[in-house]
Structure formats: structure tokens, C-alpha cells
């Protein structure tokens, strides 16, 4: 299951996808920039549920 974590020692406390160093803001920026879910999955090595969790976190 995808999970978002915040740890001040990792990425200066930015929300990240657990088990990665990929910030939620990076995923959202990629999607806002026109990347598809499939492209984000491939580029960042994420699963669809990770991306969906990042989008949900932004609500």
C-alpha cells in the first residue's frame, strides 16, 4: 500500500512517497507538466497507487 511520509531528515521535511526519495511535489509537477501516469511510473519507478496517493495528499 502506498504511503506518504514526512521526515525532516529526508528531503528537508517535504512529503515523500515512502520507500523512495521522490517528493509528492515532483509527482504533481510532472502530472501538471503533461506527463501521463504511465510516463510518471516509468520515469520515477513508481506504481500507479503511489501516484494516486500523491494526488490524494494534495487535496
PDB file of N, CA and C in Angstrom:
ATOM      1  N   UNK A   1       0.837  -1.190   0.000  1.00  0.00           N
ATOM      2  CA  UNK A   1       0.000   0.000   0.000  1.00  0.00           C
ATOM      3  C   UNK A   1       0.873   1.241   0.000  1.00  0.00           C
ATOM      4  N   UNK A   2       0.530   2.206  -0.835  1.00  0.00           N
ATOM      5  CA  UNK A   2       1.280   3.450  -0.934  1.00  0.00           C
ATOM      6  C   UNK A   2       1.097   4.275   0.336  1.00  0.00           C
ATOM      7  N   UNK A   3       2.146   4.978   0.692  1.00  0.00           N
ATOM      8  CA  UNK A   3       2.089   5.791   1.895  1.00  0.00           C
ATOM      9  C   UNK A   3       2.972   7.027   1.705  1.00  0.00           C
ATOM     10  N   UNK A   4       2.533   8.130   2.259  1.00  0.00           N
ATOM     11  CA  UNK A   4       3.293   9.372   2.226  1.00  0.00           C
ATOM     12  C   UNK A   4       3.896   9.586   3.605  1.00  0.00           C
ATOM     13  N   UNK A   5       5.174   9.938   3.646  1.00  0.00           N
ATOM     14  CA  UNK A   5       5.833  10.181   4.922  1.00  0.00           C
ATOM     15  C   UNK A   5       6.484  11.559   4.918  1.00  0.00           C
ATOM     16  N   UNK A   6       6.678  12.084   6.119  1.00  0.00           N
ATOM     17  CA  UNK A   6       7.380  13.349   6.306  1.00  0.00           C
ATOM     18  C   UNK A   6       8.422  13.128   7.391  1.00  0.00           C
ATOM     19  N   UNK A   7       9.657  13.394   7.025  1.00  0.00           N
ATOM     20  CA  UNK A   7      10.762  13.239   7.964  1.00  0.00           C
ATOM     21  C   UNK A   7      11.722  14.392   7.707  1.00  0.00           C
ATOM     22  N   UNK A   8      11.956  15.198   8.699  1.00  0.00           N
ATOM     23  CA  UNK A   8      12.786  16.390   8.499  1.00  0.00           C
ATOM     24  C   UNK A   8      14.197  16.058   8.041  1.00  0.00           C
ATOM     25  N   UNK A   9      14.616  14.806   8.223  1.00  0.00           N
ATOM     26  CA  UNK A   9      15.948  14.386   7.805  1.00  0.00           C
ATOM     27  C   UNK A   9      16.004  13.948   6.343  1.00  0.00           C
ATOM     28  N   UNK A  10      14.850  13.817   5.715  1.00  0.00           N
ATOM     29  CA  UNK A  10      14.784  13.379   4.320  1.00  0.00           C
ATOM     30  C   UNK A  10      14.122  14.451   3.484  1.00  0.00           C
ATOM     31  N   UNK A  11      14.840  14.921   2.498  1.00  0.00           N
ATOM     32  CA  UNK A  11      14.325  15.941   1.572  1.00  0.00           C
ATOM     33  C   UNK A  11      13.812  17.171   2.307  1.00  0.00           C
ATOM     34  N   UNK A  12      14.496  17.542   3.379  1.00  0.00           N
ATOM     35  CA  UNK A  12      14.183  18.751   4.153  1.00  0.00           C
ATOM     36  C   UNK A  12      12.759  18.778   4.683  1.00  0.00           C
ATOM     37  N   UNK A  13      12.209  17.603   4.967  1.00  0.00           N
ATOM     38  CA  UNK A  13      10.877  17.522   5.551  1.00  0.00           C
ATOM     39  C   UNK A  13       9.735  17.599   4.565  1.00  0.00           C
ATOM     40  N   UNK A  14      10.045  17.532   3.274  1.00  0.00           N
ATOM     41  CA  UNK A  14       8.976  17.538   2.276  1.00  0.00           C
ATOM     42  C   UNK A  14       8.267  16.188   2.298  1.00  0.00           C
ATOM     43  N   UNK A  15       6.965  16.173   2.020  1.00  0.00           N
ATOM     44  CA  UNK A  15       6.261  14.889   1.931  1.00  0.00           C
ATOM     45  C   UNK A  15       6.838  14.056   0.783  1.00  0.00           C
ATOM     46  N   UNK A  16       7.163  12.810   1.072  1.00  0.00           N
ATOM     47  CA  UNK A  16       7.706  11.914   0.049  1.00  0.00           C
ATOM     48  C   UNK A  16       6.913  10.613   0.021  1.00  0.00           C
ATOM     49  N   UNK A  17       7.072   9.881  -1.052  1.00  0.00           N
ATOM     50  CA  UNK A  17       6.459   8.568  -1.161  1.00  0.00           C
ATOM     51  C   UNK A  17       7.349   7.602  -0.392  1.00  0.00           C
ATOM     52  N   UNK A  18       6.758   6.929   0.580  1.00  0.00           N
ATOM     53  CA  UNK A  18       7.512   6.043   1.468  1.00  0.00           C
ATOM     54  C   UNK A  18       8.324   5.030   0.673  1.00  0.00           C
ATOM     55  N   UNK A  19       9.560   4.844   1.095  1.00  0.00           N
ATOM     56  CA  UNK A  19      10.442   3.892   0.450  1.00  0.00           C
ATOM     57  C   UNK A  19      11.188   4.468  -0.742  1.00  0.00           C
ATOM     58  N   UNK A  20      10.946   5.747  -1.018  1.00  0.00           N
ATOM     59  CA  UNK A  20      11.635   6.431  -2.113  1.00  0.00           C
ATOM     60  C   UNK A  20      12.133   7.773  -1.576  1.00  0.00           C
ATOM     61  N   UNK A  21      12.814   8.494  -2.397  1.00  0.00           N
ATOM     62  CA  UNK A  21      13.174   9.868  -2.061  1.00  0.00           C
ATOM     63  C   UNK A  21      12.454  10.825  -3.024  1.00  0.00           C
ATOM     64  N   UNK A  22      11.327  10.370  -3.544  1.00  0.00           N
ATOM     65  CA  UNK A  22      10.565  11.145  -4.516  1.00  0.00           C
ATOM     66  C   UNK A  22       9.504  11.955  -3.794  1.00  0.00           C
ATOM     67  N   UNK A  23       9.604  13.270  -3.935  1.00  0.00           N
ATOM     68  CA  UNK A  23       8.670  14.172  -3.266  1.00  0.00           C
ATOM     69  C   UNK A  23       7.319  14.182  -3.974  1.00  0.00           C
ATOM     70  N   UNK A  24       6.285  14.330  -3.176  1.00  0.00           N
ATOM     71  CA  UNK A  24       4.925  14.442  -3.713  1.00  0.00           C
ATOM     72  C   UNK A  24       4.873  15.589  -4.724  1.00  0.00           C
ATOM     73  N   UNK A  25       5.551  16.695  -4.419  1.00  0.00           N
ATOM     74  CA  UNK A  25       5.553  17.854  -5.320  1.00  0.00           C
ATOM     75  C   UNK A  25       6.152  17.510  -6.682  1.00  0.00           C
ATOM     76  N   UNK A  26       7.144  16.629  -6.726  1.00  0.00           N
ATOM     77  CA  UNK A  26       7.736  16.216  -8.004  1.00  0.00           C
ATOM     78  C   UNK A  26       6.714  15.472  -8.852  1.00  0.00           C
ATOM     79  N   UNK A  27       5.979  14.584  -8.225  1.00  0.00           N
ATOM     80  CA  UNK A  27       4.965  13.807  -8.944  1.00  0.00           C
ATOM     81  C   UNK A  27       3.873  14.735  -9.460  1.00  0.00           C
ATOM     82  N   UNK A  28       3.408  15.628  -8.603  1.00  0.00           N
ATOM     83  CA  UNK A  28       2.354  16.556  -9.019  1.00  0.00           C
ATOM     84  C   UNK A  28       2.842  17.480 -10.131  1.00  0.00           C
ATOM     85  N   UNK A  29       4.090  17.920 -10.030  1.00  0.00           N
ATOM     86  CA  UNK A  29       4.662  18.781 -11.066  1.00  0.00           C
ATOM     87  C   UNK A  29       4.752  18.067 -12.405  1.00  0.00           C
ATOM     88  N   UNK A  30       5.129  16.803 -12.362  1.00  0.00           N
ATOM     89  CA  UNK A  30       5.219  16.020 -13.592  1.00  0.00           C
ATOM     90  C   UNK A  30       3.846  15.872 -14.246  1.00  0.00           C
ATOM     91  N   UNK A  31       2.842  15.582 -13.438  1.00  0.00           N
ATOM     92  CA  UNK A  31       1.481  15.452 -13.967  1.00  0.00           C
ATOM     93  C   UNK A  31       0.976  16.792 -14.496  1.00  0.00           C
ATOM     94  N   UNK A  32       1.235  17.863 -13.760  1.00  0.00           N
ATOM     95  CA  UNK A  32       0.802  19.198 -14.191  1.00  0.00           C
ATOM     96  C   UNK A  32       1.515  19.613 -15.479  1.00  0.00           C
ATOM     97  N   UNK A  33       2.728  19.103 -15.651  1.00  0.00           N
ATOM     98  CA  UNK A  33       3.500  19.415 -16.852  1.00  0.00           C
ATOM     99  C   UNK A  33       3.075  18.618 -18.072  1.00  0.00           C
ATOM    100  N   UNK A  34       2.127  17.707 -17.897  1.00  0.00           N
ATOM    101  CA  UNK A  34       1.586  16.982 -19.031  1.00  0.00           C
ATOM    102  C   UNK A  34       1.980  15.525 -19.119  1.00  0.00           C
ATOM    103  N   UNK A  35       2.778  15.025 -18.168  1.00  0.00           N
ATOM    104  CA  UNK A  35       3.137  13.609 -18.207  1.00  0.00           C
ATOM    105  C   UNK A  35       1.920  12.766 -17.857  1.00  0.00           C
ATOM    106  N   UNK A  36       1.828  11.612 -18.472  1.00  0.00           N
ATOM    107  CA  UNK A  36       0.755  10.680 -18.156  1.00  0.00           C
ATOM    108  C   UNK A  36       1.167   9.854 -16.935  1.00  0.00           C
ATOM    109  N   UNK A  37       0.195   9.132 -16.369  1.00  0.00           N
ATOM    110  CA  UNK A  37       0.510   8.241 -15.254  1.00  0.00           C
ATOM    111  C   UNK A  37       1.584   7.239 -15.674  1.00  0.00           C
ATOM    112  N   UNK A  38       1.450   6.685 -16.870  1.00  0.00           N
ATOM    113  CA  UNK A  38       2.410   5.688 -17.359  1.00  0.00           C
ATOM    114  C   UNK A  38       3.809   6.286 -17.470  1.00  0.00           C
ATOM    115  N   UNK A  39       3.900   7.522 -17.928  1.00  0.00           N
ATOM    116  CA  UNK A  39       5.207   8.181 -18.045  1.00  0.00           C
ATOM    117  C   UNK A  39       5.821   8.445 -16.675  1.00  0.00           C
ATOM    118  N   UNK A  40       5.005   8.863 -15.720  1.00  0.00           N
ATOM    119  CA  UNK A  40       5.491   9.100 -14.363  1.00  0.00           C
ATOM    120  C   UNK A  40       5.948   7.782 -13.739  1.00  0.00           C
ATOM    121  N   UNK A  41       5.171   6.726 -13.939  1.00  0.00           N
ATOM    122  CA  UNK A  41       5.558   5.409 -13.427  1.00  0.00           C
ATOM    123  C   UNK A  41       6.927   5.006 -13.965  1.00  0.00           C
ATOM    124  N   UNK A  42       7.114   5.175 -15.254  1.00  0.00           N
ATOM    125  CA  UNK A  42       8.364   4.786 -15.897  1.00  0.00           C
ATOM    126  C   UNK A  42       9.529   5.684 -15.475  1.00  0.00           C
ATOM    127  N   UNK A  43       9.304   6.972 -15.484  1.00  0.00           N
ATOM    128  CA  UNK A  43      10.364   7.947 -15.175  1.00  0.00           C
ATOM    129  C   UNK A  43      10.855   7.847 -13.734  1.00  0.00           C
ATOM    130  N   UNK A  44       9.923   7.686 -12.798  1.00  0.00           N
ATOM    131  CA  UNK A  44      10.272   7.710 -11.378  1.00  0.00           C
ATOM    132  C   UNK A  44      10.278   6.323 -10.721  1.00  0.00           C
ATOM    133  N   UNK A  45       9.923   5.299 -11.480  1.00  0.00           N
ATOM    134  CA  UNK A  45       9.899   3.943 -10.919  1.00  0.00           C
ATOM    135  C   UNK A  45       8.824   3.745  -9.868  1.00  0.00           C
ATOM    136  N   UNK A  46       7.696   4.410 -10.066  1.00  0.00           N
ATOM    137  CA  UNK A  46       6.585   4.337  -9.111  1.00  0.00           C
ATOM    138  C   UNK A  46       5.502   3.399  -9.615  1.00  0.00           C
ATOM    139  N   UNK A  47       4.600   3.057  -8.726  1.00  0.00           N
ATOM    140  CA  UNK A  47       3.408   2.292  -9.072  1.00  0.00           C
ATOM    141  C   UNK A  47       2.239   3.261  -9.166  1.00  0.00           C
ATOM    142  N   UNK A  48       1.208   2.850  -9.854  1.00  0.00           N
ATOM    143  CA  UNK A  48       0.015   3.696 -10.007  1.00  0.00           C
ATOM    144  C   UNK A  48      -0.544   4.118  -8.648  1.00  0.00           C
ATOM    145  N   UNK A  49      -0.556   3.197  -7.685  1.00  0.00           N
ATOM    146  CA  UNK A  49      -1.095   3.537  -6.358  1.00  0.00           C
ATOM    147  C   UNK A  49      -0.252   4.613  -5.671  1.00  0.00           C
ATOM    148  N   UNK A  50       1.063   4.647  -5.939  1.00  0.00           N
ATOM    149  CA  UNK A  50       1.919   5.703  -5.384  1.00  0.00           C
ATOM    150  C   UNK A  50       1.504   7.064  -5.929  1.00  0.00           C
ATOM    151  N   UNK A  51       1.254   7.110  -7.231  1.00  0.00           N
ATOM    152  CA  UNK A  51       0.864   8.364  -7.878  1.00  0.00           C
ATOM    153  C   UNK A  51      -0.498   8.813  -7.363  1.00  0.00           C
ATOM    154  N   UNK A  52      -1.424   7.888  -7.275  1.00  0.00           N
ATOM    155  CA  UNK A  52      -2.765   8.224  -6.780  1.00  0.00           C
ATOM    156  C   UNK A  52      -2.703   8.752  -5.343  1.00  0.00           C
ATOM    157  N   UNK A  53      -1.850   8.169  -4.526  1.00  0.00           N
ATOM    158  CA  UNK A  53      -1.699   8.626  -3.141  1.00  0.00           C
ATOM    159  C   UNK A  53      -1.122  10.047  -3.121  1.00  0.00           C
ATOM    160  N   UNK A  54      -0.185  10.329  -3.994  1.00  0.00           N
ATOM    161  CA  UNK A  54       0.396  11.671  -4.077  1.00  0.00           C
ATOM    162  C   UNK A  54      -0.670  12.695  -4.472  1.00  0.00           C
ATOM    163  N   UNK A  55      -1.509  12.326  -5.419  1.00  0.00           N
ATOM    164  CA  UNK A  55      -2.573  13.227  -5.861  1.00  0.00           C
ATOM    165  C   UNK A  55      -3.579  13.419  -4.721  1.00  0.00           C
ATOM    166  N   UNK A  56      -3.930  12.348  -4.035  1.00  0.00           N
ATOM    167  CA  UNK A  56      -4.875  12.435  -2.928  1.00  0.00           C
ATOM    168  C   UNK A  56      -4.310  13.322  -1.808  1.00  0.00           C
ATOM    169  N   UNK A  57      -3.036  13.219  -1.544  1.00  0.00           N
ATOM    170  CA  UNK A  57      -2.378  14.011  -0.496  1.00  0.00           C
ATOM    171  C   UNK A  57      -2.481  15.500  -0.807  1.00  0.00           C
ATOM    172  N   UNK A  58      -2.529  15.853  -2.088  1.00  0.00           N
ATOM    173  CA  UNK A  58      -2.568  17.265  -2.459  1.00  0.00           C
ATOM    174  C   UNK A  58      -3.943  17.896  -2.261  1.00  0.00           C
ATOM    175  N   UNK A  59      -4.965  17.074  -2.050  1.00  0.00           N
ATOM    176  CA  UNK A  59      -6.330  17.613  -1.859  1.00  0.00           C
ATOM    177  C   UNK A  59      -6.455  18.403  -0.591  1.00  0.00           C
TER     178      UNK A  59
END
